[in-house]
Amino acid sequence: VCADGTIHAGPQIPTPHGADAPHFLEQIFTLAEPLCSGCSGLGISVLGTWDGQQQKITGACDNLPVLHGMPLRASMEQRLRLPVAVSNDVNAAAIGEARWGAGRGLQQFYCMTLGTGIGGAYVSNGRLVSGANHQAGEIGYLSCAGRGYETAASTRALLQTLRQLAWAKGKEDRVLFAAAMQGEPVCQPAWEAWLHQLACGICQII
């Protein structure tokens, strides 16, 4: 990524859910090393709470528990010989939007991400509000109609419902999500119910 926000390469690998910490880190090294030639540094956005003082992930990483307590920054700096910055993924997204995206020129805005979970970050006067425990703005554990917000309204929650349809058998998640978003009739009850749950959480945030 260049200083103006232009992305030049973006390789992907399946998330190594079952890996222990050494194997997980090796996957990240393998992904990052070919990209680092000529780079001035490495930025890592990661789920969970990144504690800059302790230099490790201290919680909120239920969807990838191998990260808990991982000294990610030190491990990457030692291997790649580059300065490394680590941030929570949604905080990083909000900073990106503030600098190059939908948040440019705004004094205050709130950023949400939907995926395996639901994340949030709040920017005020151009600066990220992180809070005393680095969790300000986090919303995944809100209560929504008696259920956890990300349990009810994450992308994963929608896909779990869609997979129960006979029509969905054998289809990949990306295909299911695209079909629901594009108005496939058999998906619409699940789609509308999911949007309702998502909106309920947004109302609480406001």
Protein backbone atom coordinates (compact mmCIF):
# COMPACT_ATOMS: atom_id res chain seq x y z
CA VAL A 1 0.00 0.00 0.00
CA CYS A 2 1.35 3.41 -0.97
CA ALA A 3 1.08 6.54 1.16
CA ASP A 4 -1.87 7.74 -0.94
CA GLY A 5 -3.84 4.60 -0.08
CA THR A 6 -3.34 2.79 -3.38
CA ILE A 7 -3.33 -0.99 -2.84
CA HIS A 8 -0.85 -2.79 -5.08
CA ALA A 9 -1.22 -6.37 -3.88
CA GLY A 10 -3.67 -8.26 -1.71
CA PRO A 11 -3.08 -12.01 -1.53
CA GLN A 12 -5.44 -14.14 0.53
CA ILE A 13 -5.29 -17.46 2.35
CA PRO A 14 -7.96 -19.40 4.26
CA THR A 15 -7.94 -18.50 7.95
CA PRO A 16 -5.92 -21.19 9.78
CA HIS A 17 -8.54 -21.78 12.50
CA GLY A 18 -7.07 -24.99 13.90
CA ALA A 19 -3.43 -23.89 13.97
CA ASP A 20 -1.45 -23.40 17.16
CA ALA A 21 0.47 -20.15 17.65
CA PRO A 22 3.74 -21.18 15.88
CA HIS A 23 1.90 -22.52 12.83
CA PHE A 24 -0.41 -19.51 12.75
CA LEU A 25 2.53 -17.12 12.78
CA GLU A 26 4.27 -19.11 10.05
CA GLN A 27 1.20 -18.65 7.83
CA ILE A 28 1.39 -14.89 8.40
CA PHE A 29 5.14 -14.83 7.70
CA THR A 30 4.62 -16.75 4.47
CA LEU A 31 1.97 -14.26 3.38
CA ALA A 32 3.87 -11.12 4.37
CA GLU A 33 7.48 -11.84 3.41
CA PRO A 34 7.06 -11.60 -0.39
CA LEU A 35 5.31 -8.23 0.03
CA CYS A 36 7.93 -6.58 2.26
CA SER A 37 10.71 -5.93 -0.24
CA GLY A 38 11.21 -2.17 -0.40
CA CYS A 39 8.61 -1.46 2.28
CA SER A 40 9.24 1.01 5.10
CA GLY A 41 7.12 -0.88 7.59
CA LEU A 42 4.34 -3.35 8.23
CA GLY A 43 0.85 -2.60 9.53
CA ILE A 44 -1.26 -5.39 10.98
CA SER A 45 -4.97 -5.13 11.68
CA VAL A 46 -6.27 -7.97 13.81
CA LEU A 47 -9.44 -8.90 15.65
CA GLY A 48 -9.38 -8.60 19.42
CA THR A 49 -8.09 -5.99 21.83
CA TRP A 50 -4.54 -4.89 21.10
CA ASP A 51 -2.87 -3.54 24.23
CA GLY A 52 0.01 -1.30 23.14
CA GLN A 53 1.56 -1.25 26.60
CA GLN A 54 1.60 -5.01 27.03
CA GLN A 55 2.34 -5.46 23.31
CA LYS A 56 -0.10 -8.34 22.92
CA ILE A 57 -3.73 -9.19 22.22
CA THR A 58 -5.51 -9.28 25.56
CA GLY A 59 -9.05 -10.38 24.71
CA ALA A 60 -12.15 -10.14 22.51
CA CYS A 61 -10.74 -12.66 20.05
CA ASP A 62 -13.27 -15.46 20.57
CA ASN A 63 -13.53 -16.11 16.83
CA LEU A 64 -9.78 -16.83 16.62
CA PRO A 65 -8.65 -17.75 20.15
CA VAL A 66 -5.09 -18.62 19.08
CA LEU A 67 -4.45 -14.86 19.06
CA HIS A 68 -5.03 -14.43 22.80
CA GLY A 69 -1.78 -13.35 24.46
CA MET A 70 0.15 -13.57 21.20
CA PRO A 71 3.15 -11.14 21.02
CA LEU A 72 2.35 -10.45 17.40
CA ARG A 73 4.35 -7.27 16.95
CA ALA A 74 7.59 -8.59 18.45
CA SER A 75 7.35 -11.83 16.47
CA MET A 76 6.86 -10.02 13.17
CA GLU A 77 9.60 -7.45 13.80
CA GLN A 78 12.08 -10.17 14.68
CA ARG A 79 11.28 -12.18 11.55
CA LEU A 80 10.91 -9.40 8.97
CA ARG A 81 13.41 -6.83 10.31
CA LEU A 82 10.91 -4.01 9.76
CA PRO A 83 9.06 -1.67 12.12
CA VAL A 84 5.59 -3.08 12.81
CA ALA A 85 2.40 -1.37 13.96
CA VAL A 86 -0.58 -3.40 15.22
CA SER A 87 -4.17 -2.25 15.62
CA ASN A 88 -7.58 -3.75 16.13
CA ASP A 89 -9.09 -4.41 12.69
CA VAL A 90 -12.09 -2.09 13.02
CA ASN A 91 -9.96 0.71 14.47
CA ALA A 92 -7.68 0.33 11.45
CA ALA A 93 -10.69 0.45 9.11
CA ALA A 94 -11.94 3.64 10.79
CA ILE A 95 -8.52 5.29 10.47
CA GLY A 96 -8.47 4.32 6.80
CA GLU A 97 -11.92 5.82 6.25
CA ALA A 98 -10.87 8.99 8.08
CA ARG A 99 -7.80 9.43 5.89
CA TRP A 100 -8.91 8.16 2.47
CA GLY A 101 -12.58 7.15 2.57
CA ALA A 102 -16.09 8.02 3.69
CA GLY A 103 -14.86 9.78 6.86
CA ARG A 104 -12.71 12.41 5.14
CA GLY A 105 -13.56 15.89 6.40
CA LEU A 106 -15.94 14.65 9.11
CA GLN A 107 -15.44 15.72 12.72
CA GLN A 108 -17.24 12.67 14.07
CA PHE A 109 -18.29 9.34 12.60
CA TYR A 110 -18.85 5.75 13.59
CA CYS A 111 -17.46 2.81 11.62
CA MET A 112 -18.97 -0.71 11.65
CA THR A 113 -17.65 -3.91 10.13
CA LEU A 114 -19.70 -7.04 9.51
CA GLY A 115 -18.12 -10.46 9.16
CA THR A 116 -17.57 -13.40 11.48
CA GLY A 117 -18.42 -10.92 14.23
CA ILE A 118 -19.45 -7.26 14.36
CA GLY A 119 -16.96 -4.54 15.18
CA GLY A 120 -17.21 -0.82 15.77
CA ALA A 121 -14.97 2.22 16.14
CA TYR A 122 -15.70 5.86 16.91
CA VAL A 123 -13.72 8.81 15.52
CA SER A 124 -14.08 12.25 17.11
CA ASN A 125 -12.26 15.41 16.00
CA GLY A 126 -10.29 13.32 13.56
CA ARG A 127 -8.92 10.98 16.24
CA LEU A 128 -9.85 7.44 17.17
CA VAL A 129 -11.52 7.17 20.59
CA SER A 130 -9.93 4.05 22.07
CA GLY A 131 -10.93 4.30 25.74
CA ALA A 132 -9.04 3.32 28.88
CA ASN A 133 -9.15 -0.39 28.01
CA HIS A 134 -8.79 -0.04 24.21
CA GLN A 135 -12.39 -1.20 23.68
CA ALA A 136 -14.37 2.01 23.22
CA GLY A 137 -16.78 1.66 20.34
CA GLU A 138 -16.92 -2.15 20.47
CA ILE A 139 -20.47 -3.37 19.92
CA GLY A 140 -20.31 -7.10 19.18
CA TYR A 141 -21.59 -8.02 22.64
CA LEU A 142 -24.58 -5.68 22.74
CA SER A 143 -27.87 -7.36 23.66
CA CYS A 144 -30.28 -7.40 20.72
CA ALA A 145 -33.75 -8.91 21.33
CA GLY A 146 -32.26 -11.10 24.04
CA ARG A 147 -29.37 -12.33 21.87
CA GLY A 148 -25.79 -11.16 21.47
CA TYR A 149 -25.60 -8.66 18.62
CA GLU A 150 -22.97 -10.46 16.57
CA THR A 151 -24.74 -13.78 17.24
CA ALA A 152 -27.89 -12.32 15.68
CA ALA A 153 -26.65 -9.89 13.06
CA SER A 154 -23.15 -10.79 11.85
CA THR A 155 -22.60 -12.02 8.31
CA ARG A 156 -21.92 -15.45 9.81
CA ALA A 157 -25.38 -15.40 11.46
CA LEU A 158 -27.03 -14.73 8.10
CA LEU A 159 -25.07 -17.50 6.38
CA GLN A 160 -25.97 -19.99 9.10
CA THR A 161 -29.64 -19.31 8.38
CA LEU A 162 -29.21 -19.45 4.60
CA ARG A 163 -27.39 -22.78 4.78
CA GLN A 164 -30.48 -24.37 6.30
CA LEU A 165 -32.41 -23.79 3.05
CA ALA A 166 -32.65 -26.78 0.73
CA TRP A 167 -31.89 -24.41 -2.15
CA ALA A 168 -28.49 -23.60 -0.59
CA LYS A 169 -27.13 -27.15 -0.64
CA GLY A 170 -23.69 -27.30 -2.26
CA LYS A 171 -23.40 -23.53 -2.74
CA GLU A 172 -20.43 -21.54 -1.41
CA ASP A 173 -20.95 -18.83 1.19
CA ARG A 174 -20.05 -16.04 -1.23
CA VAL A 175 -22.70 -17.29 -3.65
CA LEU A 176 -25.32 -17.47 -0.90
CA PHE A 177 -24.61 -13.96 0.34
CA ALA A 178 -24.60 -12.48 -3.16
CA ALA A 179 -27.90 -14.18 -3.99
CA ALA A 180 -29.56 -12.84 -0.84
CA MET A 181 -28.25 -9.33 -1.46
CA GLN A 182 -29.44 -9.42 -5.09
CA GLY A 183 -33.00 -10.39 -4.19
CA GLU A 184 -33.17 -14.17 -4.66
CA PRO A 185 -36.81 -14.84 -3.55
CA VAL A 186 -36.08 -17.96 -1.50
CA CYS A 187 -33.55 -15.96 0.57
CA GLN A 188 -35.75 -12.94 1.28
CA PRO A 189 -37.33 -14.01 4.61
CA ALA A 190 -33.88 -14.70 6.08
CA TRP A 191 -32.46 -11.51 4.50
CA GLU A 192 -35.24 -9.29 5.89
CA ALA A 193 -34.99 -10.83 9.37
CA TRP A 194 -31.22 -10.30 9.37
CA LEU A 195 -31.55 -6.68 8.27
CA HIS A 196 -34.04 -6.08 11.08
CA GLN A 197 -31.58 -7.45 13.66
CA LEU A 198 -28.79 -5.35 12.17
CA ALA A 199 -30.94 -2.20 12.29
CA CYS A 200 -31.88 -2.80 15.93
CA GLY A 201 -28.22 -2.70 16.89
CA ILE A 202 -27.58 0.41 14.82
CA CYS A 203 -30.44 2.13 16.66
CA GLN A 204 -28.76 1.34 19.99
CA ILE A 205 -25.47 2.77 18.73
CA ILE A 206 -27.14 6.00 17.64
